[in-house]
All heavy atoms as atom14 arrays in JSON, in Angstrom:
{
  "sequence": "TKCENPYELCDNIDISRPDDIFAMTQGRYNFYEEQDTKVYLWSR",
  "atom14_mask": [
    [1, 1, 1, 1, 1, 1, 1, 0, 0, 0, 0, 0, 0, 0],
    [1, 1, 1, 1, 1, 1, 1, 1, 1, 0, 0, 0, 0, 0],
    [1, 1, 1, 1, 1, 1, 0, 0, 0, 0, 0, 0, 0, 0],
    [1, 1, 1, 1, 1, 1, 1, 1, 1, 0, 0, 0, 0, 0],
    [1, 1, 1, 1, 1, 1, 1, 1, 0, 0, 0, 0, 0, 0],
    [1, 1, 1, 1, 1, 1, 1, 0, 0, 0, 0, 0, 0, 0],
    [1, 1, 1, 1, 1, 1, 1, 1, 1, 1, 1, 1, 0, 0],
    [1, 1, 1, 1, 1, 1, 1, 1, 1, 0, 0, 0, 0, 0],
    [1, 1, 1, 1, 1, 1, 1, 1, 0, 0, 0, 0, 0, 0],
    [1, 1, 1, 1, 1, 1, 0, 0, 0, 0, 0, 0, 0, 0],
    [1, 1, 1, 1, 1, 1, 1, 1, 0, 0, 0, 0, 0, 0],
    [1, 1, 1, 1, 1, 1, 1, 1, 0, 0, 0, 0, 0, 0],
    [1, 1, 1, 1, 1, 1, 1, 1, 0, 0, 0, 0, 0, 0],
    [1, 1, 1, 1, 1, 1, 1, 1, 0, 0, 0, 0, 0, 0],
    [1, 1, 1, 1, 1, 1, 1, 1, 0, 0, 0, 0, 0, 0],
    [1, 1, 1, 1, 1, 1, 0, 0, 0, 0, 0, 0, 0, 0],
    [1, 1, 1, 1, 1, 1, 1, 1, 1, 1, 1, 0, 0, 0],
    [1, 1, 1, 1, 1, 1, 1, 0, 0, 0, 0, 0, 0, 0],
    [1, 1, 1, 1, 1, 1, 1, 1, 0, 0, 0, 0, 0, 0],
    [1, 1, 1, 1, 1, 1, 1, 1, 0, 0, 0, 0, 0, 0],
    [1, 1, 1, 1, 1, 1, 1, 1, 0, 0, 0, 0, 0, 0],
    [1, 1, 1, 1, 1, 1, 1, 1, 1, 1, 1, 0, 0, 0],
    [1, 1, 1, 1, 1, 0, 0, 0, 0, 0, 0, 0, 0, 0],
    [1, 1, 1, 1, 1, 1, 1, 1, 0, 0, 0, 0, 0, 0],
    [1, 1, 1, 1, 1, 1, 1, 0, 0, 0, 0, 0, 0, 0],
    [1, 1, 1, 1, 1, 1, 1, 1, 1, 0, 0, 0, 0, 0],
    [1, 1, 1, 1, 0, 0, 0, 0, 0, 0, 0, 0, 0, 0],
    [1, 1, 1, 1, 1, 1, 1, 1, 1, 1, 1, 0, 0, 0],
    [1, 1, 1, 1, 1, 1, 1, 1, 1, 1, 1, 1, 0, 0],
    [1, 1, 1, 1, 1, 1, 1, 1, 0, 0, 0, 0, 0, 0],
    [1, 1, 1, 1, 1, 1, 1, 1, 1, 1, 1, 0, 0, 0],
    [1, 1, 1, 1, 1, 1, 1, 1, 1, 1, 1, 1, 0, 0],
    [1, 1, 1, 1, 1, 1, 1, 1, 1, 0, 0, 0, 0, 0],
    [1, 1, 1, 1, 1, 1, 1, 1, 1, 0, 0, 0, 0, 0],
    [1, 1, 1, 1, 1, 1, 1, 1, 1, 0, 0, 0, 0, 0],
    [1, 1, 1, 1, 1, 1, 1, 1, 0, 0, 0, 0, 0, 0],
    [1, 1, 1, 1, 1, 1, 1, 0, 0, 0, 0, 0, 0, 0],
    [1, 1, 1, 1, 1, 1, 1, 1, 1, 0, 0, 0, 0, 0],
    [1, 1, 1, 1, 1, 1, 1, 0, 0, 0, 0, 0, 0, 0],
    [1, 1, 1, 1, 1, 1, 1, 1, 1, 1, 1, 1, 0, 0],
    [1, 1, 1, 1, 1, 1, 1, 1, 0, 0, 0, 0, 0, 0],
    [1, 1, 1, 1, 1, 1, 1, 1, 1, 1, 1, 1, 1, 1],
    [1, 1, 1, 1, 1, 1, 0, 0, 0, 0, 0, 0, 0, 0],
    [1, 1, 1, 1, 1, 1, 1, 1, 1, 1, 1, 0, 0, 0]
  ],
  "atom14_positions": [
    [[-5.32, -5.46, -12.82], [-6.05, -5.58, -11.54], [-7.3, -4.73, -11.66], [-7.24, -3.56, -12.04], [-5.18, -5.04, -10.36], [-4.0, -5.84, -10.27], [-5.97, -5.13, -9.07], [0.0, 0.0, 0.0], [0.0, 0.0, 0.0], [0.0, 0.0, 0.0], [0.0, 0.0, 0.0], [0.0, 0.0, 0.0], [0.0, 0.0, 0.0], [0.0, 0.0, 0.0]],
    [[-8.42, -5.33, -11.32], [-9.68, -4.57, -11.29], [-9.8, -3.91, -9.93], [-9.63, -4.59, -8.89], [-10.87, -5.48, -11.54], [-12.21, -4.72, -11.64], [-13.32, -5.66, -11.93], [-14.67, -4.88, -12.0], [-15.87, -5.75, -12.2], [0.0, 0.0, 0.0], [0.0, 0.0, 0.0], [0.0, 0.0, 0.0], [0.0, 0.0, 0.0], [0.0, 0.0, 0.0]],
    [[-10.11, -2.63, -9.92], [-10.26, -1.89, -8.63], [-11.72, -1.51, -8.44], [-12.38, -1.04, -9.37], [-9.38, -0.64, -8.68], [-7.62, -0.98, -8.87], [0.0, 0.0, 0.0], [0.0, 0.0, 0.0], [0.0, 0.0, 0.0], [0.0, 0.0, 0.0], [0.0, 0.0, 0.0], [0.0, 0.0, 0.0], [0.0, 0.0, 0.0], [0.0, 0.0, 0.0]],
    [[-12.23, -1.74, -7.24], [-13.64, -1.51, -6.96], [-13.94, -0.1, -6.46], [-15.08, 0.33, -6.5], [-14.12, -2.51, -5.88], [-13.97, -3.97, -6.32], [-14.92, -4.39, -7.41], [-15.85, -3.59, -7.74], [-14.78, -5.48, -7.96], [0.0, 0.0, 0.0], [0.0, 0.0, 0.0], [0.0, 0.0, 0.0], [0.0, 0.0, 0.0], [0.0, 0.0, 0.0]],
    [[-12.93, 0.62, -6.01], [-13.15, 1.94, -5.4], [-11.84, 2.67, -5.34], [-10.76, 2.12, -5.6], [-13.77, 1.76, -4.03], [-12.97, 0.81, -3.14], [-11.76, 1.04, -2.93], [-13.61, -0.25, -2.66], [0.0, 0.0, 0.0], [0.0, 0.0, 0.0], [0.0, 0.0, 0.0], [0.0, 0.0, 0.0], [0.0, 0.0, 0.0], [0.0, 0.0, 0.0]],
    [[-11.88, 3.97, -5.04], [-10.64, 4.76, -5.01], [-9.64, 4.29, -3.92], [-8.43, 4.47, -4.1], [-11.13, 6.17, -4.66], [-12.53, 6.23, -5.12], [-13.07, 4.83, -4.88], [0.0, 0.0, 0.0], [0.0, 0.0, 0.0], [0.0, 0.0, 0.0], [0.0, 0.0, 0.0], [0.0, 0.0, 0.0], [0.0, 0.0, 0.0], [0.0, 0.0, 0.0]],
    [[-10.15, 3.64, -2.85], [-9.22, 3.1, -1.85], [-8.28, 2.07, -2.52], [-7.08, 2.12, -2.35], [-9.97, 2.39, -0.73], [-11.02, 3.2, -0.02], [-12.35, 3.25, -0.43], [-10.67, 3.97, 1.12], [-13.29, 3.97, 0.23], [-11.61, 4.71, 1.8], [-12.93, 4.71, 1.36], [-13.89, 5.45, 2.02], [0.0, 0.0, 0.0], [0.0, 0.0, 0.0]],
    [[-8.91, 1.13, -3.24], [-8.12, 0.08, -3.89], [-7.19, 0.64, -4.95], [-6.08, 0.19, -5.11], [-9.03, -0.99, -4.48], [-9.77, -1.83, -3.48], [-10.53, -3.0, -4.15], [-10.42, -3.13, -5.38], [-11.21, -3.72, -3.42], [0.0, 0.0, 0.0], [0.0, 0.0, 0.0], [0.0, 0.0, 0.0], [0.0, 0.0, 0.0], [0.0, 0.0, 0.0]],
    [[-7.7, 1.63, -5.67], [-6.88, 2.22, -6.74], [-5.65, 2.86, -6.13], [-4.53, 2.66, -6.63], [-7.7, 3.2, -7.52], [-7.06, 3.81, -8.77], [-6.58, 2.74, -9.73], [-8.01, 4.78, -9.48], [0.0, 0.0, 0.0], [0.0, 0.0, 0.0], [0.0, 0.0, 0.0], [0.0, 0.0, 0.0], [0.0, 0.0, 0.0], [0.0, 0.0, 0.0]],
    [[-5.82, 3.64, -5.09], [-4.68, 4.3, -4.45], [-3.71, 3.25, -3.9], [-2.47, 3.37, -4.07], [-5.14, 5.19, -3.32], [-5.95, 6.72, -3.84], [0.0, 0.0, 0.0], [0.0, 0.0, 0.0], [0.0, 0.0, 0.0], [0.0, 0.0, 0.0], [0.0, 0.0, 0.0], [0.0, 0.0, 0.0], [0.0, 0.0, 0.0], [0.0, 0.0, 0.0]],
    [[-4.25, 2.23, -3.27], [-3.4, 1.25, -2.61], [-2.61, 0.45, -3.62], [-1.41, 0.14, -3.43], [-4.24, 0.3, -1.78], [-4.88, 0.97, -0.58], [-4.49, 2.11, -0.26], [-5.75, 0.35, 0.04], [0.0, 0.0, 0.0], [0.0, 0.0, 0.0], [0.0, 0.0, 0.0], [0.0, 0.0, 0.0], [0.0, 0.0, 0.0], [0.0, 0.0, 0.0]],
    [[-3.21, 0.12, -4.78], [-2.51, -0.63, -5.79], [-1.46, 0.18, -6.53], [-0.46, -0.37, -6.96], [-3.51, -1.23, -6.79], [-4.16, -2.53, -6.28], [-3.49, -3.54, -6.17], [-5.43, -2.45, -5.93], [0.0, 0.0, 0.0], [0.0, 0.0, 0.0], [0.0, 0.0, 0.0], [0.0, 0.0, 0.0], [0.0, 0.0, 0.0], [0.0, 0.0, 0.0]],
    [[-1.72, 1.47, -6.65], [-0.68, 2.34, -7.25], [0.4, 2.65, -6.23], [1.52, 3.02, -6.56], [-1.31, 3.64, -7.79], [-2.37, 3.32, -8.86], [-0.26, 4.58, -8.35], [-3.12, 4.56, -9.34], [0.0, 0.0, 0.0], [0.0, 0.0, 0.0], [0.0, 0.0, 0.0], [0.0, 0.0, 0.0], [0.0, 0.0, 0.0], [0.0, 0.0, 0.0]],
    [[0.06, 2.48, -4.95], [0.92, 2.79, -3.8], [1.1, 4.28, -3.64], [2.24, 4.8, -3.59], [2.29, 2.09, -3.94], [3.07, 2.11, -2.63], [2.42, 2.33, -1.57], [4.29, 1.91, -2.65], [0.0, 0.0, 0.0], [0.0, 0.0, 0.0], [0.0, 0.0, 0.0], [0.0, 0.0, 0.0], [0.0, 0.0, 0.0], [0.0, 0.0, 0.0]],
    [[-0.04, 5.0, -3.58], [-0.05, 6.39, -3.24], [-0.97, 6.57, -2.03], [-1.85, 5.73, -1.78], [-0.53, 7.32, -4.39], [-1.93, 6.92, -4.85], [0.47, 7.25, -5.55], [-2.51, 7.85, -5.91], [0.0, 0.0, 0.0], [0.0, 0.0, 0.0], [0.0, 0.0, 0.0], [0.0, 0.0, 0.0], [0.0, 0.0, 0.0], [0.0, 0.0, 0.0]],
    [[-0.79, 7.63, -1.28], [-1.63, 7.88, -0.14], [-3.04, 8.2, -0.58], [-3.28, 8.75, -1.65], [-1.07, 9.05, 0.7], [-1.04, 10.21, -0.08], [0.0, 0.0, 0.0], [0.0, 0.0, 0.0], [0.0, 0.0, 0.0], [0.0, 0.0, 0.0], [0.0, 0.0, 0.0], [0.0, 0.0, 0.0], [0.0, 0.0, 0.0], [0.0, 0.0, 0.0]],
    [[-4.0, 7.83, 0.28], [-5.42, 8.13, -0.02], [-5.68, 9.6, 0.27], [-5.25, 10.13, 1.3], [-6.31, 7.26, 0.87], [-6.16, 5.77, 0.62], [-6.95, 4.98, 1.65], [-6.87, 3.54, 1.42], [-7.5, 2.61, 2.16], [-8.24, 3.0, 3.17], [-7.38, 1.34, 1.85], [0.0, 0.0, 0.0], [0.0, 0.0, 0.0], [0.0, 0.0, 0.0]],
    [[-6.43, 10.28, -0.65], [-6.78, 11.68, -0.37], [-7.58, 11.82, 0.93], [-8.3, 10.9, 1.28], [-7.64, 12.07, -1.58], [-7.22, 11.12, -2.66], [-6.88, 9.83, -1.96], [0.0, 0.0, 0.0], [0.0, 0.0, 0.0], [0.0, 0.0, 0.0], [0.0, 0.0, 0.0], [0.0, 0.0, 0.0], [0.0, 0.0, 0.0], [0.0, 0.0, 0.0]],
    [[-7.46, 12.94, 1.58], [-8.11, 13.15, 2.87], [-9.63, 13.04, 2.77], [-10.3, 12.66, 3.72], [-7.74, 14.5, 3.44], [-6.25, 14.57, 3.88], [-5.68, 13.5, 4.08], [-5.74, 15.69, 3.93], [0.0, 0.0, 0.0], [0.0, 0.0, 0.0], [0.0, 0.0, 0.0], [0.0, 0.0, 0.0], [0.0, 0.0, 0.0], [0.0, 0.0, 0.0]],
    [[-10.19, 13.43, 1.59], [-11.63, 13.47, 1.45], [-12.21, 12.23, 0.79], [-13.33, 12.23, 0.33], [-12.07, 14.74, 0.69], [-11.56, 14.75, -0.74], [-10.69, 13.89, -1.05], [-12.05, 15.57, -1.53], [0.0, 0.0, 0.0], [0.0, 0.0, 0.0], [0.0, 0.0, 0.0], [0.0, 0.0, 0.0], [0.0, 0.0, 0.0], [0.0, 0.0, 0.0]],
    [[-11.42, 11.15, 0.71], [-11.86, 10.0, -0.04], [-13.08, 9.35, 0.59], [-13.98, 8.87, -0.13], [-10.72, 8.99, -0.19], [-10.98, 7.97, -1.29], [-10.43, 8.28, 1.12], [-9.8, 7.15, -1.68], [0.0, 0.0, 0.0], [0.0, 0.0, 0.0], [0.0, 0.0, 0.0], [0.0, 0.0, 0.0], [0.0, 0.0, 0.0], [0.0, 0.0, 0.0]],
    [[-13.18, 9.37, 1.9], [-14.36, 8.75, 2.57], [-15.66, 9.53, 2.25], [-16.69, 8.97, 2.04], [-14.16, 8.66, 4.06], [-15.27, 7.88, 4.74], [-15.26, 6.51, 4.8], [-16.35, 8.55, 5.33], [-16.26, 5.8, 5.41], [-17.37, 7.85, 5.94], [-17.32, 6.46, 5.98], [0.0, 0.0, 0.0], [0.0, 0.0, 0.0], [0.0, 0.0, 0.0]],
    [[-15.51, 10.88, 2.2], [-16.67, 11.7, 1.89], [-17.19, 11.41, 0.49], [-18.37, 11.47, 0.22], [-16.29, 13.19, 2.01], [0.0, 0.0, 0.0], [0.0, 0.0, 0.0], [0.0, 0.0, 0.0], [0.0, 0.0, 0.0], [0.0, 0.0, 0.0], [0.0, 0.0, 0.0], [0.0, 0.0, 0.0], [0.0, 0.0, 0.0], [0.0, 0.0, 0.0]],
    [[-16.26, 11.09, -0.39], [-16.67, 10.76, -1.79], [-17.4, 9.46, -1.86], [-18.43, 9.31, -2.54], [-15.42, 10.7, -2.67], [-15.72, 10.3, -4.1], [-14.23, 9.94, -5.05], [-13.32, 11.47, -4.86], [0.0, 0.0, 0.0], [0.0, 0.0, 0.0], [0.0, 0.0, 0.0], [0.0, 0.0, 0.0], [0.0, 0.0, 0.0], [0.0, 0.0, 0.0]],
    [[-16.94, 8.43, -1.16], [-17.48, 7.09, -1.31], [-18.41, 6.66, -0.18], [-19.11, 5.65, -0.34], [-16.34, 6.05, -1.38], [-15.66, 6.02, -0.14], [-15.36, 6.41, -2.51], [0.0, 0.0, 0.0], [0.0, 0.0, 0.0], [0.0, 0.0, 0.0], [0.0, 0.0, 0.0], [0.0, 0.0, 0.0], [0.0, 0.0, 0.0], [0.0, 0.0, 0.0]],
    [[-18.38, 7.37, 0.94], [-19.12, 6.94, 2.13], [-18.73, 5.52, 2.52], [-19.5, 4.77, 3.11], [-20.65, 7.02, 1.96], [-21.19, 8.44, 1.95], [-21.01, 9.13, 0.62], [-21.38, 8.61, -0.43], [-20.39, 10.26, 0.65], [0.0, 0.0, 0.0], [0.0, 0.0, 0.0], [0.0, 0.0, 0.0], [0.0, 0.0, 0.0], [0.0, 0.0, 0.0]],
    [[-17.49, 5.16, 2.16], [-16.96, 3.86, 2.54], [-17.51, 2.68, 1.72], [-17.25, 1.53, 2.08], [0.0, 0.0, 0.0], [0.0, 0.0, 0.0], [0.0, 0.0, 0.0], [0.0, 0.0, 0.0], [0.0, 0.0, 0.0], [0.0, 0.0, 0.0], [0.0, 0.0, 0.0], [0.0, 0.0, 0.0], [0.0, 0.0, 0.0], [0.0, 0.0, 0.0]],
    [[-18.26, 2.95, 0.67], [-18.87, 1.86, -0.1], [-17.83, 1.1, -0.89], [-17.04, 1.67, -1.65], [-19.95, 2.42, -1.08], [-21.08, 3.12, -0.34], [-22.27, 3.35, -1.23], [-21.97, 4.06, -2.42], [-21.92, 5.41, -2.5], [-22.06, 6.15, -1.43], [-21.64, 5.98, -3.68], [0.0, 0.0, 0.0], [0.0, 0.0, 0.0], [0.0, 0.0, 0.0]],
    [[-17.83, -0.21, -0.76], [-16.83, -1.06, -1.35], [-16.97, -1.07, -2.87], [-15.99, -1.0, -3.62], [-16.89, -2.49, -0.83], [-15.88, -3.4, -1.44], [-14.55, -3.37, -0.97], [-16.22, -4.26, -2.48], [-13.6, -4.2, -1.58], [-15.27, -5.09, -3.05], [-13.96, -5.05, -2.59], [-13.02, -5.86, -3.19], [0.0, 0.0, 0.0], [0.0, 0.0, 0.0]],
    [[-18.2, -1.19, -3.39], [-18.42, -1.3, -4.82], [-18.72, 0.07, -5.43], [-19.63, 0.18, -6.26], [-19.55, -2.3, -5.09], [-19.19, -3.73, -4.73], [-18.09, -4.18, -4.98], [-20.11, -4.39, -4.05], [0.0, 0.0, 0.0], [0.0, 0.0, 0.0], [0.0, 0.0, 0.0], [0.0, 0.0, 0.0], [0.0, 0.0, 0.0], [0.0, 0.0, 0.0]],
    [[-17.97, 1.04, -5.05], [-18.27, 2.43, -5.47], [-18.29, 2.56, -7.0], [-19.19, 3.17, -7.59], [-17.23, 3.37, -4.87], [-17.45, 4.81, -5.27], [-18.48, 5.56, -4.7], [-16.61, 5.43, -6.17], [-18.68, 6.87, -5.06], [-16.79, 6.78, -6.53], [-17.84, 7.48, -5.96], [0.0, 0.0, 0.0], [0.0, 0.0, 0.0], [0.0, 0.0, 0.0]],
    [[-17.3, 2.02, -7.71], [-17.25, 2.17, -9.15], [-18.4, 1.44, -9.82], [-19.04, 1.96, -10.77], [-15.92, 1.65, -9.72], [-14.71, 2.46, -9.3], [-13.49, 1.83, -9.01], [-14.73, 3.86, -9.23], [-12.38, 2.55, -8.64], [-13.64, 4.62, -8.86], [-12.45, 3.95, -8.57], [-11.35, 4.65, -8.2], [0.0, 0.0, 0.0], [0.0, 0.0, 0.0]],
    [[-18.68, 0.22, -9.37], [-19.77, -0.57, -9.98], [-21.1, 0.16, -9.77], [-21.98, 0.13, -10.63], [-19.83, -1.96, -9.36], [-18.69, -2.87, -9.79], [-18.83, -3.39, -11.21], [-19.81, -3.04, -11.85], [-17.92, -4.15, -11.65], [0.0, 0.0, 0.0], [0.0, 0.0, 0.0], [0.0, 0.0, 0.0], [0.0, 0.0, 0.0], [0.0, 0.0, 0.0]],
    [[-21.26, 0.83, -8.64], [-22.5, 1.58, -8.39], [-22.66, 2.74, -9.33], [-23.77, 3.22, -9.56], [-22.5, 2.08, -6.93], [-22.65, 0.96, -5.9], [-22.51, 1.45, -4.5], [-22.62, 2.68, -4.3], [-22.26, 0.64, -3.59], [0.0, 0.0, 0.0], [0.0, 0.0, 0.0], [0.0, 0.0, 0.0], [0.0, 0.0, 0.0], [0.0, 0.0, 0.0]],
    [[-21.54, 3.17, -9.92], [-21.56, 4.21, -10.92], [-21.56, 3.6, -12.34], [-21.34, 4.34, -13.32], [-20.35, 5.11, -10.79], [-20.19, 5.77, -9.41], [-21.3, 6.76, -9.14], [-21.67, 7.54, -9.98], [-21.84, 6.67, -7.93], [0.0, 0.0, 0.0], [0.0, 0.0, 0.0], [0.0, 0.0, 0.0], [0.0, 0.0, 0.0], [0.0, 0.0, 0.0]],
    [[-21.82, 2.31, -12.45], [-21.84, 1.59, -13.73], [-20.5, 1.79, -14.46], [-20.46, 1.95, -15.66], [-22.98, 2.08, -14.63], [-24.33, 1.79, -13.99], [-24.47, 0.69, -13.43], [-25.21, 2.68, -14.05], [0.0, 0.0, 0.0], [0.0, 0.0, 0.0], [0.0, 0.0, 0.0], [0.0, 0.0, 0.0], [0.0, 0.0, 0.0], [0.0, 0.0, 0.0]],
    [[-19.42, 1.73, -13.72], [-18.09, 1.97, -14.24], [-17.14, 0.89, -13.82], [-17.19, 0.45, -12.66], [-17.55, 3.31, -13.72], [-18.46, 4.38, -14.08], [-16.19, 3.66, -14.3], [0.0, 0.0, 0.0], [0.0, 0.0, 0.0], [0.0, 0.0, 0.0], [0.0, 0.0, 0.0], [0.0, 0.0, 0.0], [0.0, 0.0, 0.0], [0.0, 0.0, 0.0]],
    [[-16.32, 0.42, -14.73], [-15.3, -0.57, -14.43], [-13.92, 0.1, -14.54], [-13.62, 0.78, -15.51], [-15.38, -1.78, -15.39], [-16.62, -2.62, -15.17], [-16.63, -3.81, -16.11], [-17.76, -4.8, -15.76], [-19.09, -4.18, -15.86], [0.0, 0.0, 0.0], [0.0, 0.0, 0.0], [0.0, 0.0, 0.0], [0.0, 0.0, 0.0], [0.0, 0.0, 0.0]],
    [[-13.1, -0.11, -13.51], [-11.82, 0.54, -13.41], [-10.74, -0.55, -13.26], [-10.8, -1.42, -12.39], [-11.76, 1.51, -12.23], [-10.38, 2.14, -12.13], [-12.82, 2.59, -12.37], [0.0, 0.0, 0.0], [0.0, 0.0, 0.0], [0.0, 0.0, 0.0], [0.0, 0.0, 0.0], [0.0, 0.0, 0.0], [0.0, 0.0, 0.0], [0.0, 0.0, 0.0]],
    [[-9.74, -0.46, -14.14], [-8.65, -1.41, -14.17], [-7.32, -0.7, -14.04], [-7.21, 0.46, -14.46], [-8.68, -2.24, -15.46], [-9.96, -2.96, -15.73], [-10.99, -2.35, -16.48], [-10.2, -4.24, -15.25], [-12.17, -2.98, -16.74], [-11.38, -4.9, -15.48], [-12.37, -4.24, -16.22], [-13.56, -4.91, -16.47], [0.0, 0.0, 0.0], [0.0, 0.0, 0.0]],
    [[-6.36, -1.4, -13.51], [-5.02, -0.86, -13.39], [-4.01, -1.85, -14.05], [-3.99, -3.0, -13.68], [-4.64, -0.68, -11.94], [-3.23, -0.09, -11.7], [-3.17, 1.38, -12.14], [-2.78, -0.2, -10.22], [0.0, 0.0, 0.0], [0.0, 0.0, 0.0], [0.0, 0.0, 0.0], [0.0, 0.0, 0.0], [0.0, 0.0, 0.0], [0.0, 0.0, 0.0]],
    [[-3.32, -1.32, -15.08], [-2.2, -2.09, -15.62], [-0.97, -1.78, -14.85], [-0.68, -0.63, -14.56], [-1.97, -1.75, -17.09], [-0.8, -2.53, -17.69], [-0.88, -3.72, -18.33], [0.58, -2.18, -17.65], [0.42, -4.12, -18.68], [1.31, -3.18, -18.28], [1.28, -1.08, -17.13], [2.69, -3.16, -18.42], [2.67, -1.04, -17.25], [3.35, -2.08, -17.88]],
    [[-0.2, -2.8, -14.5], [1.1, -2.59, -13.87], [2.1, -3.6, -14.41], [1.68, -4.72, -14.83], [1.01, -2.73, -12.33], [0.68, -4.06, -11.98], [0.0, 0.0, 0.0], [0.0, 0.0, 0.0], [0.0, 0.0, 0.0], [0.0, 0.0, 0.0], [0.0, 0.0, 0.0], [0.0, 0.0, 0.0], [0.0, 0.0, 0.0], [0.0, 0.0, 0.0]],
    [[3.34, -3.23, -14.42], [4.36, -4.11, -14.95], [4.56, -5.33, -14.03], [4.93, -6.42, -14.54], [5.67, -3.34, -15.1], [6.88, -4.19, -15.46], [8.04, -3.36, -15.85], [7.85, -2.78, -17.18], [8.7, -1.89, -17.73], [9.72, -1.43, -17.07], [8.5, -1.44, -18.96], [0.0, 0.0, 0.0], [0.0, 0.0, 0.0], [0.0, 0.0, 0.0]]
  ]
}
């Protein structure tokens, strides 16, 4: 699964979102892409 931001990453792993996650991303959906970074999650 490709994750666009820490929100999606936390949700797909099924862990709670850190309290300061909004401060980090300012709510931007394409946060990782804006950092020229691609983030993937392998799951069984």
